[in-house]
Amino acid sequence: MGTKRKEGDPQSPFTWFSRELVVYEDDRVIVMSDIRPRATVHLLVIPQQFIKGVESLRRSHIELLEYMDRIGRKVAAETLGENETVRTGFHRRPFRSIPYLHMHVLGGSFQAFRSRFRYTEWIPFTYLSTFSAIRRLDAVGWILS
């Protein structure tokens, strides 16, 4: 399943990002502001359990993904309000910029028009929405990388 991260561990997000970016944390996830926001709200939801990426997910991770989605949307709504559209998902290898599972949460307006496409499934095999990831895991138990 994975291992629990510890601060200072080379696989910890805090090796690469400042703790000051954390906006929410519990025993299952860390939510932090993206260092290069592409939208009004751009958060990363990172499981406390180390998972390499979407290609490492299995059916047993569905509940974790649902939790990550729920928390990410809740934190985004605190800034945007309840009625704003929020999208969540994952970049696929080799398009992800950090080597561990992290879910993007984007809401509000995009900074650049092309960013809109970077965070959609419009270009095959680059990005996977959380909904599609869960649907794929439920159907076949794994995700093609």
N, C-alpha and C. Protein backbone atom coordinates (compact mmCIF):
# COMPACT_ATOMS: atom_id res chain seq x y z
N MET A 1 0.82 -1.20 0.00
CA MET A 1 0.00 0.00 0.00
C MET A 1 0.86 1.25 0.00
N GLY A 2 1.95 1.28 0.71
CA GLY A 2 2.78 2.46 0.79
C GLY A 2 3.23 2.68 2.21
N THR A 3 4.05 3.68 2.39
CA THR A 3 4.56 3.97 3.71
C THR A 3 4.13 5.37 4.12
N LYS A 4 4.11 5.60 5.43
CA LYS A 4 3.76 6.91 5.97
C LYS A 4 4.96 7.84 5.79
N ARG A 5 4.73 9.05 5.34
CA ARG A 5 5.81 10.02 5.17
C ARG A 5 6.23 10.61 6.50
N LYS A 6 7.48 10.98 6.57
CA LYS A 6 7.99 11.71 7.73
C LYS A 6 8.74 12.93 7.21
N GLU A 7 8.60 14.03 7.91
CA GLU A 7 9.31 15.23 7.51
C GLU A 7 10.80 14.93 7.49
N GLY A 8 11.50 15.40 6.46
CA GLY A 8 12.92 15.13 6.30
C GLY A 8 13.19 13.88 5.47
N ASP A 9 12.19 13.05 5.27
CA ASP A 9 12.29 11.87 4.44
C ASP A 9 12.41 12.34 2.98
N PRO A 10 13.30 11.72 2.18
CA PRO A 10 13.44 12.16 0.79
C PRO A 10 12.16 12.06 -0.03
N GLN A 11 11.21 11.21 0.40
CA GLN A 11 9.96 11.08 -0.31
C GLN A 11 8.89 12.02 0.24
N SER A 12 9.23 12.85 1.19
CA SER A 12 8.28 13.77 1.78
C SER A 12 8.09 14.99 0.90
N PRO A 13 6.87 15.52 0.80
CA PRO A 13 6.69 16.75 0.02
C PRO A 13 7.45 17.92 0.63
N PHE A 14 7.77 17.84 1.89
CA PHE A 14 8.46 18.95 2.55
C PHE A 14 9.94 18.99 2.19
N THR A 15 10.42 17.99 1.46
CA THR A 15 11.77 18.05 0.93
C THR A 15 11.81 19.09 -0.18
N TRP A 16 10.69 19.29 -0.87
CA TRP A 16 10.63 20.17 -2.03
C TRP A 16 9.83 21.43 -1.81
N PHE A 17 8.94 21.44 -0.83
CA PHE A 17 8.08 22.59 -0.62
C PHE A 17 8.16 23.05 0.82
N SER A 18 7.91 24.30 1.01
CA SER A 18 7.91 24.88 2.34
C SER A 18 6.64 24.49 3.09
N ARG A 19 6.80 24.25 4.36
CA ARG A 19 5.66 23.94 5.24
C ARG A 19 4.66 25.10 5.28
N GLU A 20 5.11 26.28 4.95
CA GLU A 20 4.26 27.47 4.94
C GLU A 20 3.16 27.39 3.88
N LEU A 21 3.33 26.52 2.90
CA LEU A 21 2.33 26.36 1.84
C LEU A 21 1.15 25.50 2.27
N VAL A 22 1.27 24.80 3.40
CA VAL A 22 0.22 23.89 3.86
C VAL A 22 -0.98 24.70 4.35
N VAL A 23 -2.15 24.37 3.81
CA VAL A 23 -3.39 25.06 4.21
C VAL A 23 -4.32 24.14 4.99
N TYR A 24 -4.06 22.84 4.94
CA TYR A 24 -4.87 21.87 5.68
C TYR A 24 -4.04 20.60 5.83
N GLU A 25 -4.21 19.94 6.98
CA GLU A 25 -3.52 18.67 7.18
C GLU A 25 -4.29 17.84 8.18
N ASP A 26 -4.39 16.55 7.91
CA ASP A 26 -4.93 15.60 8.87
C ASP A 26 -4.09 14.33 8.78
N ASP A 27 -4.54 13.25 9.39
CA ASP A 27 -3.73 12.04 9.40
C ASP A 27 -3.73 11.31 8.06
N ARG A 28 -4.56 11.75 7.10
CA ARG A 28 -4.62 11.07 5.79
C ARG A 28 -4.07 11.89 4.64
N VAL A 29 -4.21 13.22 4.71
CA VAL A 29 -3.79 14.08 3.58
C VAL A 29 -3.16 15.38 4.05
N ILE A 30 -2.41 15.96 3.13
CA ILE A 30 -1.86 17.30 3.27
C ILE A 30 -2.41 18.09 2.09
N VAL A 31 -2.91 19.30 2.34
CA VAL A 31 -3.36 20.18 1.25
C VAL A 31 -2.47 21.40 1.28
N MET A 32 -1.89 21.70 0.13
CA MET A 32 -1.00 22.86 0.06
C MET A 32 -1.27 23.66 -1.20
N SER A 33 -0.91 24.93 -1.15
CA SER A 33 -1.02 25.79 -2.32
C SER A 33 0.05 25.38 -3.32
N ASP A 34 -0.32 25.37 -4.59
CA ASP A 34 0.66 25.07 -5.65
C ASP A 34 1.62 26.24 -5.76
N ILE A 35 2.90 25.96 -5.94
CA ILE A 35 3.89 27.05 -6.02
C ILE A 35 3.81 27.80 -7.34
N ARG A 36 3.18 27.20 -8.36
CA ARG A 36 2.95 27.87 -9.63
C ARG A 36 1.45 27.78 -9.97
N PRO A 37 0.63 28.58 -9.28
CA PRO A 37 -0.81 28.47 -9.50
C PRO A 37 -1.21 28.79 -10.94
N ARG A 38 -2.10 27.94 -11.45
CA ARG A 38 -2.61 28.12 -12.82
C ARG A 38 -4.05 28.63 -12.83
N ALA A 39 -4.62 28.80 -11.64
CA ALA A 39 -6.00 29.28 -11.53
C ALA A 39 -6.12 30.09 -10.24
N THR A 40 -7.28 30.73 -10.06
CA THR A 40 -7.51 31.53 -8.85
C THR A 40 -7.18 30.70 -7.61
N VAL A 41 -7.69 29.48 -7.55
CA VAL A 41 -7.33 28.52 -6.50
C VAL A 41 -6.67 27.34 -7.17
N HIS A 42 -5.46 27.02 -6.74
CA HIS A 42 -4.73 25.85 -7.26
C HIS A 42 -4.05 25.19 -6.07
N LEU A 43 -4.64 24.09 -5.66
CA LEU A 43 -4.15 23.35 -4.50
C LEU A 43 -3.63 21.98 -4.92
N LEU A 44 -2.78 21.41 -4.10
CA LEU A 44 -2.36 20.02 -4.26
C LEU A 44 -2.81 19.26 -3.03
N VAL A 45 -3.44 18.12 -3.24
CA VAL A 45 -3.82 17.24 -2.14
C VAL A 45 -2.91 16.03 -2.23
N ILE A 46 -2.15 15.80 -1.17
CA ILE A 46 -1.13 14.75 -1.15
C ILE A 46 -1.45 13.78 -0.03
N PRO A 47 -1.54 12.49 -0.35
CA PRO A 47 -1.80 11.54 0.74
C PRO A 47 -0.59 11.44 1.67
N GLN A 48 -0.85 11.24 2.94
CA GLN A 48 0.24 11.03 3.90
C GLN A 48 0.98 9.73 3.58
N GLN A 49 0.26 8.76 3.03
CA GLN A 49 0.84 7.49 2.64
C GLN A 49 1.56 7.71 1.30
N PHE A 50 2.83 7.30 1.19
CA PHE A 50 3.55 7.49 -0.06
C PHE A 50 3.01 6.56 -1.14
N ILE A 51 2.60 7.17 -2.25
CA ILE A 51 2.17 6.44 -3.44
C ILE A 51 2.89 7.12 -4.61
N LYS A 52 3.55 6.34 -5.43
CA LYS A 52 4.40 6.90 -6.48
C LYS A 52 3.64 7.78 -7.48
N GLY A 53 2.50 7.34 -7.94
CA GLY A 53 1.72 8.10 -8.91
C GLY A 53 0.47 7.35 -9.28
N VAL A 54 -0.31 7.88 -10.24
CA VAL A 54 -1.57 7.23 -10.59
C VAL A 54 -1.36 5.81 -11.10
N GLU A 55 -0.21 5.55 -11.70
CA GLU A 55 0.06 4.20 -12.21
C GLU A 55 0.23 3.18 -11.08
N SER A 56 0.42 3.64 -9.86
CA SER A 56 0.54 2.75 -8.70
C SER A 56 -0.79 2.51 -7.99
N LEU A 57 -1.83 3.21 -8.40
CA LEU A 57 -3.12 3.06 -7.74
C LEU A 57 -3.78 1.73 -8.09
N ARG A 58 -4.50 1.22 -7.11
CA ARG A 58 -5.27 -0.02 -7.30
C ARG A 58 -6.68 0.21 -6.75
N ARG A 59 -7.54 -0.75 -6.96
CA ARG A 59 -8.93 -0.65 -6.51
C ARG A 59 -9.00 -0.29 -5.02
N SER A 60 -8.07 -0.79 -4.23
CA SER A 60 -8.06 -0.52 -2.78
C SER A 60 -7.85 0.96 -2.45
N HIS A 61 -7.44 1.77 -3.42
CA HIS A 61 -7.21 3.20 -3.20
C HIS A 61 -8.43 4.07 -3.49
N ILE A 62 -9.52 3.48 -3.96
CA ILE A 62 -10.70 4.28 -4.33
C ILE A 62 -11.17 5.15 -3.17
N GLU A 63 -11.28 4.59 -1.99
CA GLU A 63 -11.76 5.36 -0.84
C GLU A 63 -10.82 6.53 -0.54
N LEU A 64 -9.51 6.33 -0.67
CA LEU A 64 -8.55 7.42 -0.47
C LEU A 64 -8.77 8.52 -1.50
N LEU A 65 -8.96 8.16 -2.76
CA LEU A 65 -9.18 9.17 -3.80
C LEU A 65 -10.47 9.95 -3.55
N GLU A 66 -11.51 9.26 -3.12
CA GLU A 66 -12.77 9.95 -2.80
C GLU A 66 -12.55 10.92 -1.64
N TYR A 67 -11.77 10.52 -0.66
CA TYR A 67 -11.47 11.39 0.48
C TYR A 67 -10.65 12.60 0.03
N MET A 68 -9.62 12.36 -0.79
CA MET A 68 -8.80 13.46 -1.30
C MET A 68 -9.65 14.46 -2.07
N ASP A 69 -10.56 13.96 -2.89
CA ASP A 69 -11.44 14.82 -3.67
C ASP A 69 -12.35 15.64 -2.76
N ARG A 70 -12.94 14.99 -1.78
CA ARG A 70 -13.85 15.67 -0.84
C ARG A 70 -13.12 16.77 -0.07
N ILE A 71 -11.94 16.47 0.45
CA ILE A 71 -11.18 17.47 1.22
C ILE A 71 -10.70 18.61 0.31
N GLY A 72 -10.20 18.27 -0.87
CA GLY A 72 -9.74 19.30 -1.80
C GLY A 72 -10.84 20.27 -2.18
N ARG A 73 -12.03 19.73 -2.47
CA ARG A 73 -13.17 20.59 -2.82
C ARG A 73 -13.61 21.45 -1.64
N LYS A 74 -13.56 20.87 -0.45
CA LYS A 74 -13.96 21.61 0.76
C LYS A 74 -13.00 22.79 1.00
N VAL A 75 -11.70 22.55 0.90
CA VAL A 75 -10.72 23.61 1.12
C VAL A 75 -10.85 24.68 0.03
N ALA A 76 -11.05 24.27 -1.22
CA ALA A 76 -11.22 25.24 -2.31
C ALA A 76 -12.47 26.10 -2.10
N ALA A 77 -13.55 25.47 -1.63
CA ALA A 77 -14.81 26.19 -1.40
C ALA A 77 -14.67 27.26 -0.32
N GLU A 78 -13.75 27.06 0.61
CA GLU A 78 -13.53 28.06 1.65
C GLU A 78 -13.04 29.38 1.06
N THR A 79 -12.34 29.31 -0.07
CA THR A 79 -11.85 30.51 -0.74
C THR A 79 -12.82 30.99 -1.82
N LEU A 80 -13.33 30.03 -2.60
CA LEU A 80 -14.15 30.38 -3.77
C LEU A 80 -15.63 30.56 -3.48
N GLY A 81 -16.11 29.87 -2.47
CA GLY A 81 -17.55 29.81 -2.24
C GLY A 81 -18.08 28.49 -2.77
N GLU A 82 -19.24 28.10 -2.31
CA GLU A 82 -19.83 26.80 -2.62
C GLU A 82 -20.25 26.64 -4.07
N ASN A 83 -20.58 27.71 -4.77
CA ASN A 83 -21.16 27.60 -6.11
C ASN A 83 -20.16 27.64 -7.25
N GLU A 84 -18.88 27.80 -6.96
CA GLU A 84 -17.86 27.84 -8.00
C GLU A 84 -17.53 26.43 -8.49
N THR A 85 -17.23 26.32 -9.76
CA THR A 85 -16.82 25.04 -10.33
C THR A 85 -15.38 24.74 -9.93
N VAL A 86 -15.17 23.51 -9.49
CA VAL A 86 -13.83 23.05 -9.10
C VAL A 86 -13.56 21.77 -9.86
N ARG A 87 -12.36 21.64 -10.41
CA ARG A 87 -11.97 20.39 -11.06
C ARG A 87 -10.80 19.77 -10.31
N THR A 88 -10.78 18.46 -10.27
CA THR A 88 -9.71 17.75 -9.57
C THR A 88 -9.17 16.66 -10.48
N GLY A 89 -7.88 16.38 -10.36
CA GLY A 89 -7.30 15.31 -11.15
C GLY A 89 -5.80 15.21 -11.00
N PHE A 90 -5.23 14.35 -11.82
CA PHE A 90 -3.82 13.97 -11.71
C PHE A 90 -3.13 14.04 -13.06
N HIS A 91 -1.90 14.55 -13.07
CA HIS A 91 -1.08 14.44 -14.28
C HIS A 91 -0.50 13.04 -14.31
N ARG A 92 -0.37 12.53 -15.52
CA ARG A 92 0.18 11.20 -15.71
C ARG A 92 1.66 11.31 -16.06
N ARG A 93 2.38 10.24 -15.82
CA ARG A 93 3.78 10.16 -16.17
C ARG A 93 3.89 10.24 -17.69
N PRO A 94 4.76 10.96 -18.31
CA PRO A 94 5.85 11.77 -17.76
C PRO A 94 5.48 13.24 -17.55
N PHE A 95 4.20 13.55 -17.51
CA PHE A 95 3.75 14.95 -17.43
C PHE A 95 3.65 15.48 -16.01
N ARG A 96 3.85 14.64 -15.00
CA ARG A 96 3.79 15.13 -13.63
C ARG A 96 5.16 15.69 -13.25
N SER A 97 5.14 16.72 -12.45
CA SER A 97 6.38 17.42 -12.13
C SER A 97 7.01 16.97 -10.81
N ILE A 98 6.27 16.25 -9.98
CA ILE A 98 6.83 15.75 -8.73
C ILE A 98 6.53 14.25 -8.64
N PRO A 99 7.47 13.46 -8.12
CA PRO A 99 7.40 12.00 -8.24
C PRO A 99 6.60 11.29 -7.15
N TYR A 100 5.47 11.83 -6.79
CA TYR A 100 4.57 11.14 -5.87
C TYR A 100 3.15 11.60 -6.18
N LEU A 101 2.21 10.79 -5.77
CA LEU A 101 0.81 11.08 -6.06
C LEU A 101 0.40 12.41 -5.45
N HIS A 102 -0.18 13.24 -6.26
CA HIS A 102 -0.75 14.51 -5.80
C HIS A 102 -1.91 14.88 -6.72
N MET A 103 -3.00 15.26 -6.11
CA MET A 103 -4.20 15.62 -6.85
C MET A 103 -4.26 17.15 -6.97
N HIS A 104 -4.45 17.62 -8.19
CA HIS A 104 -4.63 19.05 -8.42
C HIS A 104 -6.08 19.42 -8.16
N VAL A 105 -6.29 20.54 -7.50
CA VAL A 105 -7.62 21.09 -7.27
C VAL A 105 -7.58 22.50 -7.83
N LEU A 106 -8.39 22.76 -8.85
CA LEU A 106 -8.39 24.06 -9.51
C LEU A 106 -9.79 24.65 -9.53
N GLY A 107 -9.88 25.92 -9.21
CA GLY A 107 -11.17 26.60 -9.22
C GLY A 107 -11.00 28.06 -9.54
N GLY A 108 -12.07 28.67 -9.98
CA GLY A 108 -12.00 30.07 -10.38
C GLY A 108 -11.48 30.18 -11.80
N SER A 109 -10.99 31.34 -12.16
CA SER A 109 -10.51 31.53 -13.53
C SER A 109 -9.06 31.08 -13.68
N PHE A 110 -8.75 30.60 -14.89
CA PHE A 110 -7.39 30.16 -15.18
C PHE A 110 -6.51 31.35 -15.52
N GLN A 111 -5.23 31.25 -15.16
CA GLN A 111 -4.28 32.33 -15.39
C GLN A 111 -3.99 32.52 -16.88
N ALA A 112 -3.89 31.43 -17.60
CA ALA A 112 -3.63 31.49 -19.05
C ALA A 112 -4.60 30.53 -19.75
N PHE A 113 -4.98 30.88 -20.95
CA PHE A 113 -5.94 30.06 -21.68
C PHE A 113 -5.45 28.62 -21.85
N ARG A 114 -4.16 28.43 -22.15
CA ARG A 114 -3.64 27.08 -22.37
C ARG A 114 -3.64 26.22 -21.11
N SER A 115 -3.62 26.85 -19.93
CA SER A 115 -3.68 26.10 -18.68
C SER A 115 -4.97 25.30 -18.57
N ARG A 116 -6.02 25.82 -19.18
CA ARG A 116 -7.31 25.14 -19.19
C ARG A 116 -7.19 23.73 -19.77
N PHE A 117 -6.37 23.60 -20.80
CA PHE A 117 -6.20 22.29 -21.46
C PHE A 117 -5.23 21.39 -20.72
N ARG A 118 -4.30 21.97 -20.01
CA ARG A 118 -3.32 21.18 -19.26
C ARG A 118 -3.99 20.40 -18.13
N TYR A 119 -5.12 20.87 -17.67
CA TYR A 119 -5.82 20.24 -16.55
C TYR A 119 -7.17 19.66 -16.99
N THR A 120 -7.20 19.11 -18.19
CA THR A 120 -8.39 18.40 -18.67
C THR A 120 -7.94 17.12 -19.35
N GLU A 121 -8.89 16.26 -19.64
CA GLU A 121 -8.59 15.01 -20.34
C GLU A 121 -8.67 15.18 -21.85
N TRP A 122 -8.70 16.42 -22.31
CA TRP A 122 -8.81 16.73 -23.72
C TRP A 122 -7.66 16.14 -24.52
N ILE A 123 -6.44 16.18 -23.97
CA ILE A 123 -5.27 15.58 -24.63
C ILE A 123 -5.05 14.22 -23.96
N PRO A 124 -5.26 13.13 -24.69
CA PRO A 124 -5.19 11.78 -24.08
C PRO A 124 -3.85 11.49 -23.39
N PHE A 125 -3.92 10.76 -22.30
CA PHE A 125 -2.77 10.24 -21.56
C PHE A 125 -1.89 11.29 -20.90
N THR A 126 -2.39 12.51 -20.71
CA THR A 126 -1.60 13.52 -20.00
C THR A 126 -2.18 13.82 -18.63
N TYR A 127 -3.51 13.80 -18.52
CA TYR A 127 -4.20 14.19 -17.29
C TYR A 127 -5.41 13.28 -17.11
N LEU A 128 -5.70 12.98 -15.87
CA LEU A 128 -6.82 12.10 -15.56
C LEU A 128 -7.64 12.74 -14.45
N SER A 129 -8.91 12.99 -14.71
CA SER A 129 -9.76 13.57 -13.67
C SER A 129 -9.92 12.55 -12.54
N THR A 130 -10.22 13.03 -11.36
CA THR A 130 -10.43 12.14 -10.22
C THR A 130 -11.60 11.21 -10.49
N PHE A 131 -12.66 11.74 -11.10
CA PHE A 131 -13.81 10.92 -11.44
C PHE A 131 -13.41 9.77 -12.37
N SER A 132 -12.62 10.07 -13.41
CA SER A 132 -12.19 9.02 -14.35
C SER A 132 -11.27 8.01 -13.67
N ALA A 133 -10.40 8.49 -12.78
CA ALA A 133 -9.50 7.58 -12.07
C ALA A 133 -10.30 6.59 -11.23
N ILE A 134 -11.28 7.10 -10.50
CA ILE A 134 -12.10 6.23 -9.65
C ILE A 134 -12.91 5.26 -10.51
N ARG A 135 -13.46 5.76 -11.59
CA ARG A 135 -14.25 4.90 -12.48
C ARG A 135 -13.38 3.79 -13.07
N ARG A 136 -12.16 4.13 -13.47
CA ARG A 136 -11.23 3.13 -14.04
C ARG A 136 -10.83 2.10 -12.98
N LEU A 137 -10.49 2.55 -11.78
CA LEU A 137 -10.11 1.62 -10.71
C LEU A 137 -11.25 0.69 -10.35
N ASP A 138 -12.46 1.23 -10.32
CA ASP A 138 -13.62 0.41 -10.00
C ASP A 138 -13.87 -0.65 -11.09
N ALA A 139 -13.64 -0.27 -12.35
CA ALA A 139 -13.92 -1.18 -13.46
C ALA A 139 -12.85 -2.25 -13.63
N VAL A 140 -11.58 -1.86 -13.60
CA VAL A 140 -10.52 -2.84 -13.91
C VAL A 140 -9.46 -3.00 -12.82
N GLY A 141 -9.47 -2.11 -11.83
CA GLY A 141 -8.56 -2.27 -10.70
C GLY A 141 -7.20 -1.62 -10.81
N TRP A 142 -6.91 -0.98 -11.95
CA TRP A 142 -5.61 -0.30 -12.13
C TRP A 142 -5.77 0.77 -13.19
N ILE A 143 -4.72 1.62 -13.34
CA ILE A 143 -4.74 2.71 -14.31
C ILE A 143 -3.52 2.58 -15.20
N LEU A 144 -3.73 2.61 -16.49
CA LEU A 144 -2.65 2.56 -17.46
C LEU A 144 -1.85 3.84 -17.35
N SER A 145 -0.54 3.73 -17.25
CA SER A 145 0.28 4.96 -17.15
C SER A 145 0.69 5.46 -18.51
